[in-house]
Amino acid sequence: QEKEFTELVAAHKSTIYSVCLMFSKDEDEVED
């Protein structure tokens, strides 16, 4: 399950970051 989850996140990492960037302009906050 951890392996599948890691692969899923890796495949959609840019999507997650895109969403986070729309909610904050601060790099540290985006990481949070």
PDB file of all heavy atoms in Angstrom:
ATOM      1  N   GLN A   1       0.833  -1.201   0.000  1.00  0.00           N
ATOM      2  CA  GLN A   1       0.000   0.000   0.000  1.00  0.00           C
ATOM      3  C   GLN A   1       0.875   1.261   0.000  1.00  0.00           C
ATOM      4  O   GLN A   1       0.590   2.209  -0.725  1.00  0.00           O
ATOM      5  CB  GLN A   1      -0.925  -0.006   1.218  1.00  0.00           C
ATOM      6  CG  GLN A   1      -1.914   1.132   1.226  1.00  0.00           C
ATOM      7  CD  GLN A   1      -2.848   1.088   2.430  1.00  0.00           C
ATOM      8  OE1 GLN A   1      -2.588   0.371   3.396  1.00  0.00           O
ATOM      9  NE2 GLN A   1      -3.905   1.852   2.368  1.00  0.00           N
ATOM     10  N   GLU A   2       1.951   1.247   0.776  1.00  0.00           N
ATOM     11  CA  GLU A   2       2.863   2.384   0.809  1.00  0.00           C
ATOM     12  C   GLU A   2       3.524   2.592  -0.544  1.00  0.00           C
ATOM     13  O   GLU A   2       3.672   3.734  -0.999  1.00  0.00           O
ATOM     14  CB  GLU A   2       3.931   2.179   1.880  1.00  0.00           C
ATOM     15  CG  GLU A   2       3.412   2.329   3.287  1.00  0.00           C
ATOM     16  CD  GLU A   2       4.480   2.068   4.338  1.00  0.00           C
ATOM     17  OE1 GLU A   2       5.690   2.157   4.019  1.00  0.00           O
ATOM     18  OE2 GLU A   2       4.101   1.766   5.472  1.00  0.00           O
ATOM     19  N   LYS A   3       3.899   1.512  -1.196  1.00  0.00           N
ATOM     20  CA  LYS A   3       4.534   1.596  -2.514  1.00  0.00           C
ATOM     21  C   LYS A   3       3.558   2.179  -3.542  1.00  0.00           C
ATOM     22  O   LYS A   3       3.913   3.072  -4.326  1.00  0.00           O
ATOM     23  CB  LYS A   3       5.003   0.208  -2.955  1.00  0.00           C
ATOM     24  CG  LYS A   3       5.723   0.194  -4.288  1.00  0.00           C
ATOM     25  CD  LYS A   3       6.215  -1.205  -4.628  1.00  0.00           C
ATOM     26  CE  LYS A   3       7.036  -1.176  -5.899  1.00  0.00           C
ATOM     27  NZ  LYS A   3       6.333  -1.670  -7.035  1.00  0.00           N
ATOM     28  N   GLU A   4       2.318   1.699  -3.534  1.00  0.00           N
ATOM     29  CA  GLU A   4       1.306   2.213  -4.459  1.00  0.00           C
ATOM     30  C   GLU A   4       1.040   3.691  -4.202  1.00  0.00           C
ATOM     31  O   GLU A   4       0.912   4.484  -5.135  1.00  0.00           O
ATOM     32  CB  GLU A   4      -0.002   1.424  -4.313  1.00  0.00           C
ATOM     33  CG  GLU A   4       0.071   0.010  -4.819  1.00  0.00           C
ATOM     34  CD  GLU A   4      -1.177  -0.793  -4.468  1.00  0.00           C
ATOM     35  OE1 GLU A   4      -2.136  -0.224  -3.890  1.00  0.00           O
ATOM     36  OE2 GLU A   4      -1.189  -2.006  -4.755  1.00  0.00           O
ATOM     37  N   PHE A   5       0.953   4.058  -2.929  1.00  0.00           N
ATOM     38  CA  PHE A   5       0.704   5.448  -2.568  1.00  0.00           C
ATOM     39  C   PHE A   5       1.849   6.334  -3.040  1.00  0.00           C
ATOM     40  O   PHE A   5       1.618   7.406  -3.615  1.00  0.00           O
ATOM     41  CB  PHE A   5       0.507   5.577  -1.051  1.00  0.00           C
ATOM     42  CG  PHE A   5       0.272   6.991  -0.609  1.00  0.00           C
ATOM     43  CD1 PHE A   5      -0.966   7.587  -0.789  1.00  0.00           C
ATOM     44  CD2 PHE A   5       1.289   7.722  -0.013  1.00  0.00           C
ATOM     45  CE1 PHE A   5      -1.195   8.898  -0.382  1.00  0.00           C
ATOM     46  CE2 PHE A   5       1.071   9.034   0.391  1.00  0.00           C
ATOM     47  CZ  PHE A   5      -0.165   9.623   0.208  1.00  0.00           C
ATOM     48  N   THR A   6       3.071   5.905  -2.819  1.00  0.00           N
ATOM     49  CA  THR A   6       4.240   6.669  -3.234  1.00  0.00           C
ATOM     50  C   THR A   6       4.248   6.875  -4.743  1.00  0.00           C
ATOM     51  O   THR A   6       4.533   7.970  -5.237  1.00  0.00           O
ATOM     52  CB  THR A   6       5.541   5.954  -2.788  1.00  0.00           C
ATOM     53  OG1 THR A   6       5.501   5.807  -1.367  1.00  0.00           O
ATOM     54  CG2 THR A   6       6.772   6.731  -3.195  1.00  0.00           C
ATOM     55  N   GLU A   7       3.912   5.838  -5.501  1.00  0.00           N
ATOM     56  CA  GLU A   7       3.848   5.946  -6.961  1.00  0.00           C
ATOM     57  C   GLU A   7       2.741   6.905  -7.395  1.00  0.00           C
ATOM     58  O   GLU A   7       2.922   7.696  -8.326  1.00  0.00           O
ATOM     59  CB  GLU A   7       3.634   4.570  -7.591  1.00  0.00           C
ATOM     60  CG  GLU A   7       4.839   3.666  -7.460  1.00  0.00           C
ATOM     61  CD  GLU A   7       4.560   2.216  -7.875  1.00  0.00           C
ATOM     62  OE1 GLU A   7       3.408   1.900  -8.273  1.00  0.00           O
ATOM     63  OE2 GLU A   7       5.503   1.409  -7.807  1.00  0.00           O
ATOM     64  N   LEU A   8       1.597   6.830  -6.725  1.00  0.00           N
ATOM     65  CA  LEU A   8       0.477   7.707  -7.038  1.00  0.00           C
ATOM     66  C   LEU A   8       0.863   9.169  -6.798  1.00  0.00           C
ATOM     67  O   LEU A   8       0.614  10.039  -7.638  1.00  0.00           O
ATOM     68  CB  LEU A   8      -0.749   7.332  -6.199  1.00  0.00           C
ATOM     69  CG  LEU A   8      -2.013   8.143  -6.443  1.00  0.00           C
ATOM     70  CD1 LEU A   8      -2.574   7.847  -7.827  1.00  0.00           C
ATOM     71  CD2 LEU A   8      -3.053   7.825  -5.380  1.00  0.00           C
ATOM     72  N   VAL A   9       1.480   9.438  -5.667  1.00  0.00           N
ATOM     73  CA  VAL A   9       1.895  10.805  -5.339  1.00  0.00           C
ATOM     74  C   VAL A   9       2.948  11.290  -6.336  1.00  0.00           C
ATOM     75  O   VAL A   9       2.878  12.433  -6.809  1.00  0.00           O
ATOM     76  CB  VAL A   9       2.417  10.897  -3.891  1.00  0.00           C
ATOM     77  CG1 VAL A   9       3.126  12.218  -3.636  1.00  0.00           C
ATOM     78  CG2 VAL A   9       1.268  10.713  -2.901  1.00  0.00           C
ATOM     79  N   ALA A  10       3.888  10.451  -6.675  1.00  0.00           N
ATOM     80  CA  ALA A  10       4.926  10.840  -7.633  1.00  0.00           C
ATOM     81  C   ALA A  10       4.309  11.197  -8.986  1.00  0.00           C
ATOM     82  O   ALA A  10       4.736  12.157  -9.641  1.00  0.00           O
ATOM     83  CB  ALA A  10       5.950   9.719  -7.786  1.00  0.00           C
ATOM     84  N   ALA A  11       3.306  10.452  -9.396  1.00  0.00           N
ATOM     85  CA  ALA A  11       2.659  10.694 -10.686  1.00  0.00           C
ATOM     86  C   ALA A  11       1.840  11.981 -10.685  1.00  0.00           C
ATOM     87  O   ALA A  11       1.618  12.573 -11.745  1.00  0.00           O
ATOM     88  CB  ALA A  11       1.773   9.508 -11.058  1.00  0.00           C
ATOM     89  N   HIS A  12       1.391  12.412  -9.515  1.00  0.00           N
ATOM     90  CA  HIS A  12       0.498  13.580  -9.435  1.00  0.00           C
ATOM     91  C   HIS A  12       1.077  14.714  -8.590  1.00  0.00           C
ATOM     92  O   HIS A  12       0.338  15.594  -8.152  1.00  0.00           O
ATOM     93  CB  HIS A  12      -0.859  13.147  -8.875  1.00  0.00           C
ATOM     94  CG  HIS A  12      -1.557  12.168  -9.765  1.00  0.00           C
ATOM     95  ND1 HIS A  12      -2.216  12.532 -10.903  1.00  0.00           N
ATOM     96  CD2 HIS A  12      -1.660  10.813  -9.687  1.00  0.00           C
ATOM     97  CE1 HIS A  12      -2.713  11.460 -11.493  1.00  0.00           C
ATOM     98  NE2 HIS A  12      -2.381  10.406 -10.771  1.00  0.00           N
ATOM     99  N   LYS A  13       2.382  14.689  -8.394  1.00  0.00           N
ATOM    100  CA  LYS A  13       3.040  15.694  -7.562  1.00  0.00           C
ATOM    101  C   LYS A  13       2.801  17.114  -8.093  1.00  0.00           C
ATOM    102  O   LYS A  13       2.518  18.029  -7.322  1.00  0.00           O
ATOM    103  CB  LYS A  13       4.541  15.391  -7.515  1.00  0.00           C
ATOM    104  CG  LYS A  13       5.333  16.296  -6.622  1.00  0.00           C
ATOM    105  CD  LYS A  13       6.789  15.856  -6.611  1.00  0.00           C
ATOM    106  CE  LYS A  13       7.599  16.714  -5.663  1.00  0.00           C
ATOM    107  NZ  LYS A  13       8.991  16.294  -5.610  1.00  0.00           N
ATOM    108  N   SER A  14       2.870  17.296  -9.401  1.00  0.00           N
ATOM    109  CA  SER A  14       2.688  18.639  -9.962  1.00  0.00           C
ATOM    110  C   SER A  14       1.263  19.146  -9.741  1.00  0.00           C
ATOM    111  O   SER A  14       1.044  20.335  -9.536  1.00  0.00           O
ATOM    112  CB  SER A  14       3.049  18.667 -11.440  1.00  0.00           C
ATOM    113  OG  SER A  14       2.177  17.849 -12.180  1.00  0.00           O
ATOM    114  N   THR A  15       0.287  18.250  -9.768  1.00  0.00           N
ATOM    115  CA  THR A  15      -1.097  18.635  -9.499  1.00  0.00           C
ATOM    116  C   THR A  15      -1.222  19.154  -8.072  1.00  0.00           C
ATOM    117  O   THR A  15      -1.828  20.208  -7.827  1.00  0.00           O
ATOM    118  CB  THR A  15      -2.038  17.435  -9.696  1.00  0.00           C
ATOM    119  OG1 THR A  15      -2.004  17.035 -11.055  1.00  0.00           O
ATOM    120  CG2 THR A  15      -3.454  17.762  -9.291  1.00  0.00           C
ATOM    121  N   ILE A  16      -0.662  18.438  -7.134  1.00  0.00           N
ATOM    122  CA  ILE A  16      -0.741  18.828  -5.729  1.00  0.00           C
ATOM    123  C   ILE A  16      -0.066  20.185  -5.523  1.00  0.00           C
ATOM    124  O   ILE A  16      -0.620  21.074  -4.878  1.00  0.00           O
ATOM    125  CB  ILE A  16      -0.113  17.750  -4.815  1.00  0.00           C
ATOM    126  CG1 ILE A  16      -0.856  16.419  -4.982  1.00  0.00           C
ATOM    127  CG2 ILE A  16      -0.124  18.203  -3.355  1.00  0.00           C
ATOM    128  CD1 ILE A  16      -0.139  15.224  -4.371  1.00  0.00           C
ATOM    129  N   TYR A  17       1.124  20.362  -6.111  1.00  0.00           N
ATOM    130  CA  TYR A  17       1.822  21.643  -5.981  1.00  0.00           C
ATOM    131  C   TYR A  17       1.033  22.771  -6.635  1.00  0.00           C
ATOM    132  O   TYR A  17       0.984  23.884  -6.116  1.00  0.00           O
ATOM    133  CB  TYR A  17       3.226  21.573  -6.583  1.00  0.00           C
ATOM    134  CG  TYR A  17       4.274  21.230  -5.560  1.00  0.00           C
ATOM    135  CD1 TYR A  17       4.973  20.039  -5.624  1.00  0.00           C
ATOM    136  CD2 TYR A  17       4.577  22.098  -4.510  1.00  0.00           C
ATOM    137  CE1 TYR A  17       5.927  19.711  -4.678  1.00  0.00           C
ATOM    138  CE2 TYR A  17       5.528  21.783  -3.567  1.00  0.00           C
ATOM    139  CZ  TYR A  17       6.199  20.592  -3.656  1.00  0.00           C
ATOM    140  OH  TYR A  17       7.145  20.285  -2.712  1.00  0.00           O
ATOM    141  N   SER A  18       0.416  22.509  -7.770  1.00  0.00           N
ATOM    142  CA  SER A  18      -0.384  23.545  -8.438  1.00  0.00           C
ATOM    143  C   SER A  18      -1.491  24.043  -7.525  1.00  0.00           C
ATOM    144  O   SER A  18      -1.733  25.243  -7.417  1.00  0.00           O
ATOM    145  CB  SER A  18      -1.001  23.012  -9.734  1.00  0.00           C
ATOM    146  OG  SER A  18      -0.015  22.714 -10.668  1.00  0.00           O
ATOM    147  N   VAL A  19      -2.161  23.116  -6.883  1.00  0.00           N
ATOM    148  CA  VAL A  19      -3.233  23.505  -5.959  1.00  0.00           C
ATOM    149  C   VAL A  19      -2.662  24.307  -4.802  1.00  0.00           C
ATOM    150  O   VAL A  19      -3.177  25.375  -4.452  1.00  0.00           O
ATOM    151  CB  VAL A  19      -4.004  22.269  -5.446  1.00  0.00           C
ATOM    152  CG1 VAL A  19      -4.999  22.670  -4.368  1.00  0.00           C
ATOM    153  CG2 VAL A  19      -4.713  21.562  -6.594  1.00  0.00           C
ATOM    154  N   CYS A  20      -1.591  23.820  -4.218  1.00  0.00           N
ATOM    155  CA  CYS A  20      -0.988  24.510  -3.072  1.00  0.00           C
ATOM    156  C   CYS A  20      -0.526  25.925  -3.441  1.00  0.00           C
ATOM    157  O   CYS A  20      -0.695  26.864  -2.652  1.00  0.00           O
ATOM    158  CB  CYS A  20       0.186  23.704  -2.515  1.00  0.00           C
ATOM    159  SG  CYS A  20      -0.299  22.108  -1.813  1.00  0.00           S
ATOM    160  N   LEU A  21       0.020  26.081  -4.634  1.00  0.00           N
ATOM    161  CA  LEU A  21       0.487  27.398  -5.069  1.00  0.00           C
ATOM    162  C   LEU A  21      -0.652  28.387  -5.263  1.00  0.00           C
ATOM    163  O   LEU A  21      -0.449  29.595  -5.164  1.00  0.00           O
ATOM    164  CB  LEU A  21       1.283  27.274  -6.370  1.00  0.00           C
ATOM    165  CG  LEU A  21       2.687  26.716  -6.220  1.00  0.00           C
ATOM    166  CD1 LEU A  21       3.282  26.369  -7.579  1.00  0.00           C
ATOM    167  CD2 LEU A  21       3.583  27.713  -5.489  1.00  0.00           C
ATOM    168  N   MET A  22      -1.840  27.892  -5.529  1.00  0.00           N
ATOM    169  CA  MET A  22      -2.990  28.787  -5.668  1.00  0.00           C
ATOM    170  C   MET A  22      -3.484  29.290  -4.311  1.00  0.00           C
ATOM    171  O   MET A  22      -4.248  30.235  -4.245  1.00  0.00           O
ATOM    172  CB  MET A  22      -4.137  28.098  -6.401  1.00  0.00           C
ATOM    173  CG  MET A  22      -3.888  27.913  -7.872  1.00  0.00           C
ATOM    174  SD  MET A  22      -3.538  29.458  -8.751  1.00  0.00           S
ATOM    175  CE  MET A  22      -5.108  30.285  -8.629  1.00  0.00           C
ATOM    176  N   PHE A  23      -3.033  28.673  -3.231  1.00  0.00           N
ATOM    177  CA  PHE A  23      -3.503  29.061  -1.911  1.00  0.00           C
ATOM    178  C   PHE A  23      -2.449  29.772  -1.083  1.00  0.00           C
ATOM    179  O   PHE A  23      -2.739  30.222   0.022  1.00  0.00           O
ATOM    180  CB  PHE A  23      -4.050  27.845  -1.160  1.00  0.00           C
ATOM    181  CG  PHE A  23      -5.386  27.425  -1.692  1.00  0.00           C
ATOM    182  CD1 PHE A  23      -5.471  26.536  -2.739  1.00  0.00           C
ATOM    183  CD2 PHE A  23      -6.553  27.962  -1.175  1.00  0.00           C
ATOM    184  CE1 PHE A  23      -6.701  26.171  -3.271  1.00  0.00           C
ATOM    185  CE2 PHE A  23      -7.784  27.607  -1.698  1.00  0.00           C
ATOM    186  CZ  PHE A  23      -7.859  26.706  -2.740  1.00  0.00           C
ATOM    187  N   SER A  24      -1.253  29.867  -1.597  1.00  0.00           N
ATOM    188  CA  SER A  24      -0.217  30.592  -0.872  1.00  0.00           C
ATOM    189  C   SER A  24       0.868  31.034  -1.842  1.00  0.00           C
ATOM    190  O   SER A  24       1.131  30.367  -2.841  1.00  0.00           O
ATOM    191  CB  SER A  24       0.401  29.732   0.217  1.00  0.00           C
ATOM    192  OG  SER A  24       1.406  30.469   0.890  1.00  0.00           O
ATOM    193  N   LYS A  25       1.502  32.144  -1.493  1.00  0.00           N
ATOM    194  CA  LYS A  25       2.612  32.653  -2.292  1.00  0.00           C
ATOM    195  C   LYS A  25       3.935  32.441  -1.566  1.00  0.00           C
ATOM    196  O   LYS A  25       4.987  32.674  -2.123  1.00  0.00           O
ATOM    197  CB  LYS A  25       2.403  34.134  -2.581  1.00  0.00           C
ATOM    198  CG  LYS A  25       1.196  34.403  -3.421  1.00  0.00           C
ATOM    199  CD  LYS A  25       0.995  35.886  -3.577  1.00  0.00           C
ATOM    200  CE  LYS A  25      -0.216  36.144  -4.416  1.00  0.00           C
ATOM    201  NZ  LYS A  25      -1.300  36.767  -3.728  1.00  0.00           N
ATOM    202  N   ASP A  26       3.860  32.014  -0.332  1.00  0.00           N
ATOM    203  CA  ASP A  26       5.036  31.814   0.488  1.00  0.00           C
ATOM    204  C   ASP A  26       5.549  30.385   0.305  1.00  0.00           C
ATOM    205  O   ASP A  26       4.794  29.431   0.481  1.00  0.00           O
ATOM    206  CB  ASP A  26       4.685  32.076   1.960  1.00  0.00           C
ATOM    207  CG  ASP A  26       5.863  31.861   2.878  1.00  0.00           C
ATOM    208  OD1 ASP A  26       6.792  32.677   2.824  1.00  0.00           O
ATOM    209  OD2 ASP A  26       5.843  30.861   3.626  1.00  0.00           O
ATOM    210  N   GLU A  27       6.823  30.252  -0.051  1.00  0.00           N
ATOM    211  CA  GLU A  27       7.395  28.930  -0.339  1.00  0.00           C
ATOM    212  C   GLU A  27       7.265  27.959   0.834  1.00  0.00           C
ATOM    213  O   GLU A  27       6.921  26.791   0.645  1.00  0.00           O
ATOM    214  CB  GLU A  27       8.870  29.060  -0.735  1.00  0.00           C
ATOM    215  CG  GLU A  27       9.074  29.691  -2.099  1.00  0.00           C
ATOM    216  CD  GLU A  27      10.539  29.845  -2.440  1.00  0.00           C
ATOM    217  OE1 GLU A  27      11.312  28.888  -2.214  1.00  0.00           O
ATOM    218  OE2 GLU A  27      10.911  30.917  -2.925  1.00  0.00           O
ATOM    219  N   ASP A  28       7.544  28.439   2.045  1.00  0.00           N
ATOM    220  CA  ASP A  28       7.446  27.569   3.215  1.00  0.00           C
ATOM    221  C   ASP A  28       6.006  27.125   3.448  1.00  0.00           C
ATOM    222  O   ASP A  28       5.746  25.975   3.796  1.00  0.00           O
ATOM    223  CB  ASP A  28       7.983  28.273   4.467  1.00  0.00           C
ATOM    224  CG  ASP A  28       9.489  28.490   4.414  1.00  0.00           C
ATOM    225  OD1 ASP A  28      10.173  27.701   3.723  1.00  0.00           O
ATOM    226  OD2 ASP A  28       9.974  29.440   5.048  1.00  0.00           O
ATOM    227  N   GLU A  29       5.080  28.049   3.254  1.00  0.00           N
ATOM    228  CA  GLU A  29       3.676  27.721   3.448  1.00  0.00           C
ATOM    229  C   GLU A  29       3.192  26.725   2.390  1.00  0.00           C
ATOM    230  O   GLU A  29       2.396  25.839   2.688  1.00  0.00           O
ATOM    231  CB  GLU A  29       2.838  28.995   3.412  1.00  0.00           C
ATOM    232  CG  GLU A  29       1.446  28.790   3.953  1.00  0.00           C
ATOM    233  CD  GLU A  29       0.729  30.108   4.131  1.00  0.00           C
ATOM    234  OE1 GLU A  29       0.455  30.785   3.121  1.00  0.00           O
ATOM    235  OE2 GLU A  29       0.452  30.456   5.289  1.00  0.00           O
ATOM    236  N   VAL A  30       3.691  26.874   1.163  1.00  0.00           N
ATOM    237  CA  VAL A  30       3.341  25.915   0.102  1.00  0.00           C
ATOM    238  C   VAL A  30       3.824  24.526   0.489  1.00  0.00           C
ATOM    239  O   VAL A  30       3.105  23.540   0.327  1.00  0.00           O
ATOM    240  CB  VAL A  30       3.919  26.357  -1.268  1.00  0.00           C
ATOM    241  CG1 VAL A  30       3.805  25.244  -2.307  1.00  0.00           C
ATOM    242  CG2 VAL A  30       3.209  27.610  -1.770  1.00  0.00           C
ATOM    243  N   GLU A  31       5.021  24.452   1.029  1.00  0.00           N
ATOM    244  CA  GLU A  31       5.551  23.160   1.474  1.00  0.00           C
ATOM    245  C   GLU A  31       4.691  22.577   2.591  1.00  0.00           C
ATOM    246  O   GLU A  31       4.415  21.377   2.615  1.00  0.00           O
ATOM    247  CB  GLU A  31       7.005  23.296   1.939  1.00  0.00           C
ATOM    248  CG  GLU A  31       7.989  23.570   0.819  1.00  0.00           C
ATOM    249  CD  GLU A  31       8.084  22.438  -0.193  1.00  0.00           C
ATOM    250  OE1 GLU A  31       7.976  21.252   0.188  1.00  0.00           O
ATOM    251  OE2 GLU A  31       8.256  22.749  -1.386  1.00  0.00           O
ATOM    252  N   ASP A  32       4.264  23.437   3.514  1.00  0.00           N
ATOM    253  CA  ASP A  32       3.386  22.983   4.603  1.00  0.00           C
ATOM    254  C   ASP A  32       2.051  22.486   4.047  1.00  0.00           C
ATOM    255  O   ASP A  32       1.540  21.446   4.484  1.00  0.00           O
ATOM    256  CB  ASP A  32       3.135  24.105   5.611  1.00  0.00           C
ATOM    257  CG  ASP A  32       4.366  24.438   6.440  1.00  0.00           C
ATOM    258  OD1 ASP A  32       5.319  23.615   6.454  1.00  0.00           O
ATOM    259  OD2 ASP A  32       4.380  25.511   7.062  1.00  0.00           O
TER     260      ASP A  32
END
